[in-house]
């Protein structure tokens, strides 16, 4: 199981409004994944997963490129 204890965020891409982000993270075994997150300005509890995620990928670049295909707000 992948959780915050066996992964490290390599890159975080945030939308211009600061309400969505995609984290590219690497697991302890060297694989890369991405997760999309959102936050509501009126909700102080922080970031919440949207459920959109993918992986594994061999490289950080592969994960970023895959996220760009799926996540419409990420600019190329």
PDB file of N, CA and C in Angstrom:
ATOM      1  N   UNK A   1       0.835  -1.182   0.000  1.00  0.00           N
ATOM      2  CA  UNK A   1       0.000   0.000   0.000  1.00  0.00           C
ATOM      3  C   UNK A   1       0.881   1.246   0.000  1.00  0.00           C
ATOM      4  N   UNK A   2       0.513   2.210  -0.834  1.00  0.00           N
ATOM      5  CA  UNK A   2       1.259   3.463  -0.902  1.00  0.00           C
ATOM      6  C   UNK A   2       0.597   4.468   0.028  1.00  0.00           C
ATOM      7  N   UNK A   3       1.384   5.024   0.941  1.00  0.00           N
ATOM      8  CA  UNK A   3       0.881   6.072   1.819  1.00  0.00           C
ATOM      9  C   UNK A   3       1.980   7.102   2.047  1.00  0.00           C
ATOM     10  N   UNK A   4       1.716   8.090   2.865  1.00  0.00           N
ATOM     11  CA  UNK A   4       2.671   9.186   3.043  1.00  0.00           C
ATOM     12  C   UNK A   4       3.977   8.751   3.708  1.00  0.00           C
ATOM     13  N   UNK A   5       3.999   7.547   4.255  1.00  0.00           N
ATOM     14  CA  UNK A   5       5.203   7.067   4.923  1.00  0.00           C
ATOM     15  C   UNK A   5       6.193   6.396   3.973  1.00  0.00           C
ATOM     16  N   UNK A   6       5.757   6.008   2.785  1.00  0.00           N
ATOM     17  CA  UNK A   6       6.672   5.331   1.865  1.00  0.00           C
ATOM     18  C   UNK A   6       6.742   6.026   0.508  1.00  0.00           C
ATOM     19  N   UNK A   7       6.548   7.337   0.522  1.00  0.00           N
ATOM     20  CA  UNK A   7       6.682   8.117  -0.710  1.00  0.00           C
ATOM     21  C   UNK A   7       7.180   9.513  -0.376  1.00  0.00           C
ATOM     22  N   UNK A   8       7.749  10.163  -1.375  1.00  0.00           N
ATOM     23  CA  UNK A   8       8.207  11.537  -1.228  1.00  0.00           C
ATOM     24  C   UNK A   8       7.732  12.322  -2.447  1.00  0.00           C
ATOM     25  N   UNK A   9       7.221  13.519  -2.212  1.00  0.00           N
ATOM     26  CA  UNK A   9       6.755  14.356  -3.314  1.00  0.00           C
ATOM     27  C   UNK A   9       7.977  14.914  -4.034  1.00  0.00           C
ATOM     28  N   UNK A  10       8.055  14.638  -5.336  1.00  0.00           N
ATOM     29  CA  UNK A  10       9.170  15.116  -6.158  1.00  0.00           C
ATOM     30  C   UNK A  10       8.847  16.466  -6.784  1.00  0.00           C
ATOM     31  N   UNK A  11       7.593  16.662  -7.202  1.00  0.00           N
ATOM     32  CA  UNK A  11       7.146  17.888  -7.857  1.00  0.00           C
ATOM     33  C   UNK A  11       5.699  18.133  -7.479  1.00  0.00           C
ATOM     34  N   UNK A  12       5.346  19.392  -7.298  1.00  0.00           N
ATOM     35  CA  UNK A  12       3.956  19.754  -7.059  1.00  0.00           C
ATOM     36  C   UNK A  12       3.584  20.856  -8.043  1.00  0.00           C
ATOM     37  N   UNK A  13       2.567  20.600  -8.850  1.00  0.00           N
ATOM     38  CA  UNK A  13       2.100  21.549  -9.857  1.00  0.00           C
ATOM     39  C   UNK A  13       0.786  22.141  -9.360  1.00  0.00           C
ATOM     40  N   UNK A  14       0.716  23.477  -9.240  1.00  0.00           N
ATOM     41  CA  UNK A  14      -0.478  24.121  -8.703  1.00  0.00           C
ATOM     42  C   UNK A  14      -1.128  24.993  -9.763  1.00  0.00           C
ATOM     43  N   UNK A  15      -2.456  25.026  -9.766  1.00  0.00           N
ATOM     44  CA  UNK A  15      -3.154  25.877 -10.729  1.00  0.00           C
ATOM     45  C   UNK A  15      -3.007  27.348 -10.327  1.00  0.00           C
ATOM     46  N   UNK A  16      -3.244  28.281 -11.260  1.00  0.00           N
ATOM     47  CA  UNK A  16      -3.047  29.708 -10.976  1.00  0.00           C
ATOM     48  C   UNK A  16      -3.913  30.240  -9.831  1.00  0.00           C
ATOM     49  N   UNK A  17      -5.056  29.644  -9.585  1.00  0.00           N
ATOM     50  CA  UNK A  17      -5.945  30.095  -8.506  1.00  0.00           C
ATOM     51  C   UNK A  17      -5.556  29.511  -7.144  1.00  0.00           C
ATOM     52  N   UNK A  18      -4.674  28.524  -7.140  1.00  0.00           N
ATOM     53  CA  UNK A  18      -4.229  27.917  -5.892  1.00  0.00           C
ATOM     54  C   UNK A  18      -5.243  27.002  -5.237  1.00  0.00           C
ATOM     55  N   UNK A  19      -6.181  26.466  -6.046  1.00  0.00           N
ATOM     56  CA  UNK A  19      -7.185  25.575  -5.451  1.00  0.00           C
ATOM     57  C   UNK A  19      -7.041  24.124  -5.905  1.00  0.00           C
ATOM     58  N   UNK A  20      -6.162  23.877  -6.866  1.00  0.00           N
ATOM     59  CA  UNK A  20      -5.898  22.504  -7.315  1.00  0.00           C
ATOM     60  C   UNK A  20      -4.394  22.309  -7.455  1.00  0.00           C
ATOM     61  N   UNK A  21      -3.972  21.088  -7.218  1.00  0.00           N
ATOM     62  CA  UNK A  21      -2.567  20.766  -7.455  1.00  0.00           C
ATOM     63  C   UNK A  21      -2.453  19.295  -7.836  1.00  0.00           C
ATOM     64  N   UNK A  22      -1.358  18.990  -8.485  1.00  0.00           N
ATOM     65  CA  UNK A  22      -1.003  17.607  -8.793  1.00  0.00           C
ATOM     66  C   UNK A  22       0.352  17.353  -8.164  1.00  0.00           C
ATOM     67  N   UNK A  23       0.432  16.349  -7.332  1.00  0.00           N
ATOM     68  CA  UNK A  23       1.701  15.940  -6.743  1.00  0.00           C
ATOM     69  C   UNK A  23       2.251  14.762  -7.530  1.00  0.00           C
ATOM     70  N   UNK A  24       3.500  14.894  -7.943  1.00  0.00           N
ATOM     71  CA  UNK A  24       4.246  13.795  -8.547  1.00  0.00           C
ATOM     72  C   UNK A  24       5.107  13.242  -7.419  1.00  0.00           C
ATOM     73  N   UNK A  25       4.948  11.987  -7.109  1.00  0.00           N
ATOM     74  CA  UNK A  25       5.722  11.438  -6.001  1.00  0.00           C
ATOM     75  C   UNK A  25       6.419  10.142  -6.388  1.00  0.00           C
ATOM     76  N   UNK A  26       7.488   9.886  -5.646  1.00  0.00           N
ATOM     77  CA  UNK A  26       8.294   8.688  -5.859  1.00  0.00           C
ATOM     78  C   UNK A  26       8.157   7.785  -4.646  1.00  0.00           C
ATOM     79  N   UNK A  27       7.928   6.509  -4.908  1.00  0.00           N
ATOM     80  CA  UNK A  27       7.821   5.537  -3.826  1.00  0.00           C
ATOM     81  C   UNK A  27       9.212   5.007  -3.464  1.00  0.00           C
ATOM     82  N   UNK A  28       9.277   4.301  -2.359  1.00  0.00           N
ATOM     83  CA  UNK A  28      10.560   3.764  -1.894  1.00  0.00           C
ATOM     84  C   UNK A  28      11.223   2.837  -2.903  1.00  0.00           C
ATOM     85  N   UNK A  29      10.438   2.213  -3.770  1.00  0.00           N
ATOM     86  CA  UNK A  29      11.017   1.305  -4.762  1.00  0.00           C
ATOM     87  C   UNK A  29      11.384   2.008  -6.071  1.00  0.00           C
ATOM     88  N   UNK A  30      11.305   3.347  -6.096  1.00  0.00           N
ATOM     89  CA  UNK A  30      11.766   4.111  -7.253  1.00  0.00           C
ATOM     90  C   UNK A  30      10.721   4.402  -8.312  1.00  0.00           C
ATOM     91  N   UNK A  31       9.498   3.924  -8.125  1.00  0.00           N
ATOM     92  CA  UNK A  31       8.440   4.193  -9.105  1.00  0.00           C
ATOM     93  C   UNK A  31       7.819   5.567  -8.849  1.00  0.00           C
ATOM     94  N   UNK A  32       7.213   6.138  -9.898  1.00  0.00           N
ATOM     95  CA  UNK A  32       6.577   7.450  -9.801  1.00  0.00           C
ATOM     96  C   UNK A  32       5.078   7.330 -10.047  1.00  0.00           C
ATOM     97  N   UNK A  33       4.318   8.157  -9.355  1.00  0.00           N
ATOM     98  CA  UNK A  33       2.867   8.220  -9.465  1.00  0.00           C
ATOM     99  C   UNK A  33       2.460   9.690  -9.424  1.00  0.00           C
ATOM    100  N   UNK A  34       1.207   9.987  -9.790  1.00  0.00           N
ATOM    101  CA  UNK A  34       0.671  11.328  -9.563  1.00  0.00           C
ATOM    102  C   UNK A  34      -0.719  11.230  -8.951  1.00  0.00           C
ATOM    103  N   UNK A  35      -1.060  12.242  -8.142  1.00  0.00           N
ATOM    104  CA  UNK A  35      -2.384  12.403  -7.532  1.00  0.00           C
ATOM    105  C   UNK A  35      -2.814  13.846  -7.721  1.00  0.00           C
ATOM    106  N   UNK A  36      -4.105  14.063  -7.999  1.00  0.00           N
ATOM    107  CA  UNK A  36      -4.647  15.427  -8.050  1.00  0.00           C
ATOM    108  C   UNK A  36      -5.329  15.733  -6.716  1.00  0.00           C
ATOM    109  N   UNK A  37      -5.164  16.972  -6.248  1.00  0.00           N
ATOM    110  CA  UNK A  37      -5.725  17.438  -4.979  1.00  0.00           C
ATOM    111  C   UNK A  37      -6.477  18.739  -5.211  1.00  0.00           C
ATOM    112  N   UNK A  38      -7.398  19.063  -4.302  1.00  0.00           N
ATOM    113  CA  UNK A  38      -8.111  20.339  -4.354  1.00  0.00           C
ATOM    114  C   UNK A  38      -8.280  20.866  -2.932  1.00  0.00           C
ATOM    115  N   UNK A  39      -8.477  22.174  -2.848  1.00  0.00           N
ATOM    116  CA  UNK A  39      -8.827  22.771  -1.563  1.00  0.00           C
ATOM    117  C   UNK A  39      -9.871  23.847  -1.808  1.00  0.00           C
ATOM    118  N   UNK A  40     -10.723  24.026  -0.843  1.00  0.00           N
ATOM    119  CA  UNK A  40     -11.759  25.044  -0.916  1.00  0.00           C
ATOM    120  C   UNK A  40     -11.333  26.209  -0.033  1.00  0.00           C
ATOM    121  N   UNK A  41     -11.339  27.424  -0.564  1.00  0.00           N
ATOM    122  CA  UNK A  41     -10.887  28.580   0.228  1.00  0.00           C
ATOM    123  C   UNK A  41     -11.639  28.739   1.550  1.00  0.00           C
ATOM    124  N   UNK A  42     -12.901  28.372   1.575  1.00  0.00           N
ATOM    125  CA  UNK A  42     -13.686  28.530   2.802  1.00  0.00           C
ATOM    126  C   UNK A  42     -13.487  27.374   3.791  1.00  0.00           C
ATOM    127  N   UNK A  43     -12.741  26.355   3.405  1.00  0.00           N
ATOM    128  CA  UNK A  43     -12.506  25.183   4.254  1.00  0.00           C
ATOM    129  C   UNK A  43     -11.049  25.178   4.713  1.00  0.00           C
ATOM    130  N   UNK A  44     -10.789  25.460   5.981  1.00  0.00           N
ATOM    131  CA  UNK A  44      -9.408  25.551   6.466  1.00  0.00           C
ATOM    132  C   UNK A  44      -8.724  24.202   6.699  1.00  0.00           C
ATOM    133  N   UNK A  45      -9.387  23.100   6.387  1.00  0.00           N
ATOM    134  CA  UNK A  45      -8.812  21.792   6.715  1.00  0.00           C
ATOM    135  C   UNK A  45      -7.744  21.315   5.744  1.00  0.00           C
ATOM    136  N   UNK A  46      -7.499  22.045   4.655  1.00  0.00           N
ATOM    137  CA  UNK A  46      -6.387  21.694   3.775  1.00  0.00           C
ATOM    138  C   UNK A  46      -6.791  21.043   2.470  1.00  0.00           C
ATOM    139  N   UNK A  47      -5.865  20.259   1.936  1.00  0.00           N
ATOM    140  CA  UNK A  47      -6.022  19.636   0.625  1.00  0.00           C
ATOM    141  C   UNK A  47      -6.793  18.330   0.735  1.00  0.00           C
ATOM    142  N   UNK A  48      -7.612  18.053  -0.309  1.00  0.00           N
ATOM    143  CA  UNK A  48      -8.420  16.836  -0.364  1.00  0.00           C
ATOM    144  C   UNK A  48      -8.180  16.141  -1.704  1.00  0.00           C
ATOM    145  N   UNK A  49      -8.069  14.815  -1.720  1.00  0.00           N
ATOM    146  CA  UNK A  49      -7.858  14.112  -2.989  1.00  0.00           C
ATOM    147  C   UNK A  49      -9.099  14.189  -3.873  1.00  0.00           C
ATOM    148  N   UNK A  50      -8.881  14.350  -5.175  1.00  0.00           N
ATOM    149  CA  UNK A  50      -9.999  14.350  -6.123  1.00  0.00           C
ATOM    150  C   UNK A  50     -10.323  12.937  -6.587  1.00  0.00           C
ATOM    151  N   UNK A  51      -9.403  12.017  -6.374  1.00  0.00           N
ATOM    152  CA  UNK A  51      -9.576  10.645  -6.845  1.00  0.00           C
ATOM    153  C   UNK A  51      -8.914  10.385  -8.183  1.00  0.00           C
ATOM    154  N   UNK A  52      -8.408  11.454  -8.815  1.00  0.00           N
ATOM    155  CA  UNK A  52      -7.713  11.255 -10.091  1.00  0.00           C
ATOM    156  C   UNK A  52      -6.240  11.014  -9.785  1.00  0.00           C
ATOM    157  N   UNK A  53      -5.753   9.864 -10.226  1.00  0.00           N
ATOM    158  CA  UNK A  53      -4.360   9.471  -9.989  1.00  0.00           C
ATOM    159  C   UNK A  53      -3.962   8.452 -11.032  1.00  0.00           C
ATOM    160  N   UNK A  54      -2.658   8.260 -11.170  1.00  0.00           N
ATOM    161  CA  UNK A  54      -2.189   7.270 -12.137  1.00  0.00           C
ATOM    162  C   UNK A  54      -0.763   6.871 -11.785  1.00  0.00           C
ATOM    163  N   UNK A  55      -0.347   5.753 -12.323  1.00  0.00           N
ATOM    164  CA  UNK A  55       0.985   5.241 -12.134  1.00  0.00           C
ATOM    165  C   UNK A  55       0.924   3.732 -12.025  1.00  0.00           C
ATOM    166  N   UNK A  56       2.022   3.085 -12.003  1.00  0.00           N
ATOM    167  CA  UNK A  56       3.371   3.636 -11.859  1.00  0.00           C
ATOM    168  C   UNK A  56       3.992   4.047 -13.193  1.00  0.00           C
ATOM    169  N   UNK A  57       4.989   4.926 -13.071  1.00  0.00           N
ATOM    170  CA  UNK A  57       5.786   5.386 -14.203  1.00  0.00           C
ATOM    171  C   UNK A  57       7.255   5.174 -13.866  1.00  0.00           C
ATOM    172  N   UNK A  58       8.069   5.041 -14.907  1.00  0.00           N
ATOM    173  CA  UNK A  58       9.499   4.799 -14.704  1.00  0.00           C
ATOM    174  C   UNK A  58      10.248   6.050 -14.274  1.00  0.00           C
ATOM    175  N   UNK A  59       9.794   7.223 -14.742  1.00  0.00           N
ATOM    176  CA  UNK A  59      10.515   8.462 -14.437  1.00  0.00           C
ATOM    177  C   UNK A  59       9.541   9.546 -13.985  1.00  0.00           C
ATOM    178  N   UNK A  60      10.077  10.556 -13.336  1.00  0.00           N
ATOM    179  CA  UNK A  60       9.284  11.714 -12.939  1.00  0.00           C
ATOM    180  C   UNK A  60       8.699  12.399 -14.174  1.00  0.00           C
ATOM    181  N   UNK A  61       9.503  12.529 -15.222  1.00  0.00           N
ATOM    182  CA  UNK A  61       9.044  13.145 -16.465  1.00  0.00           C
ATOM    183  C   UNK A  61       7.881  12.397 -17.090  1.00  0.00           C
ATOM    184  N   UNK A  62       7.929  11.076 -17.056  1.00  0.00           N
ATOM    185  CA  UNK A  62       6.820  10.274 -17.585  1.00  0.00           C
ATOM    186  C   UNK A  62       5.533  10.537 -16.798  1.00  0.00           C
ATOM    187  N   UNK A  63       5.656  10.653 -15.484  1.00  0.00           N
ATOM    188  CA  UNK A  63       4.481  10.921 -14.646  1.00  0.00           C
ATOM    189  C   UNK A  63       3.916  12.307 -14.936  1.00  0.00           C
ATOM    190  N   UNK A  64       4.779  13.299 -15.086  1.00  0.00           N
ATOM    191  CA  UNK A  64       4.328  14.660 -15.408  1.00  0.00           C
ATOM    192  C   UNK A  64       3.619  14.676 -16.754  1.00  0.00           C
ATOM    193  N   UNK A  65       4.212  14.047 -17.749  1.00  0.00           N
ATOM    194  CA  UNK A  65       3.600  14.020 -19.083  1.00  0.00           C
ATOM    195  C   UNK A  65       2.242  13.327 -19.069  1.00  0.00           C
ATOM    196  N   UNK A  66       2.119  12.258 -18.314  1.00  0.00           N
ATOM    197  CA  UNK A  66       0.836  11.557 -18.217  1.00  0.00           C
ATOM    198  C   UNK A  66      -0.211  12.434 -17.531  1.00  0.00           C
ATOM    199  N   UNK A  67       0.193  13.142 -16.483  1.00  0.00           N
ATOM    200  CA  UNK A  67      -0.740  14.038 -15.791  1.00  0.00           C
ATOM    201  C   UNK A  67      -1.209  15.154 -16.716  1.00  0.00           C
ATOM    202  N   UNK A  68      -0.316  15.674 -17.549  1.00  0.00           N
ATOM    203  CA  UNK A  68      -0.685  16.745 -18.485  1.00  0.00           C
ATOM    204  C   UNK A  68      -1.745  16.290 -19.480  1.00  0.00           C
ATOM    205  N   UNK A  69      -1.745  15.020 -19.821  1.00  0.00           N
ATOM    206  CA  UNK A  69      -2.744  14.492 -20.757  1.00  0.00           C
ATOM    207  C   UNK A  69      -4.125  14.423 -20.096  1.00  0.00           C
ATOM    208  N   UNK A  70      -4.173  14.072 -18.826  1.00  0.00           N
ATOM    209  CA  UNK A  70      -5.432  13.839 -18.117  1.00  0.00           C
ATOM    210  C   UNK A  70      -5.975  15.096 -17.436  1.00  0.00           C
ATOM    211  N   UNK A  71      -5.099  15.873 -16.825  1.00  0.00           N
ATOM    212  CA  UNK A  71      -5.518  17.023 -16.013  1.00  0.00           C
ATOM    213  C   UNK A  71      -5.558  18.270 -16.893  1.00  0.00           C
ATOM    214  N   UNK A  72      -6.771  18.718 -17.192  1.00  0.00           N
ATOM    215  CA  UNK A  72      -6.966  19.766 -18.187  1.00  0.00           C
ATOM    216  C   UNK A  72      -6.389  21.123 -17.801  1.00  0.00           C
ATOM    217  N   UNK A  73      -6.234  21.433 -16.521  1.00  0.00           N
ATOM    218  CA  UNK A  73      -5.755  22.756 -16.128  1.00  0.00           C
ATOM    219  C   UNK A  73      -4.235  22.878 -16.143  1.00  0.00           C
ATOM    220  N   UNK A  74      -3.513  21.774 -16.282  1.00  0.00           N
ATOM    221  CA  UNK A  74      -2.047  21.860 -16.345  1.00  0.00           C
ATOM    222  C   UNK A  74      -1.664  22.382 -17.720  1.00  0.00           C
ATOM    223  N   UNK A  75      -0.931  23.475 -17.724  1.00  0.00           N
ATOM    224  CA  UNK A  75      -0.508  24.037 -19.014  1.00  0.00           C
ATOM    225  C   UNK A  75       0.753  23.337 -19.487  1.00  0.00           C
ATOM    226  N   UNK A  76       0.835  23.173 -20.775  1.00  0.00           N
ATOM    227  CA  UNK A  76       2.011  22.538 -21.362  1.00  0.00           C
ATOM    228  C   UNK A  76       3.089  23.558 -21.471  1.00  0.00           C
TER     229      UNK A  76
END
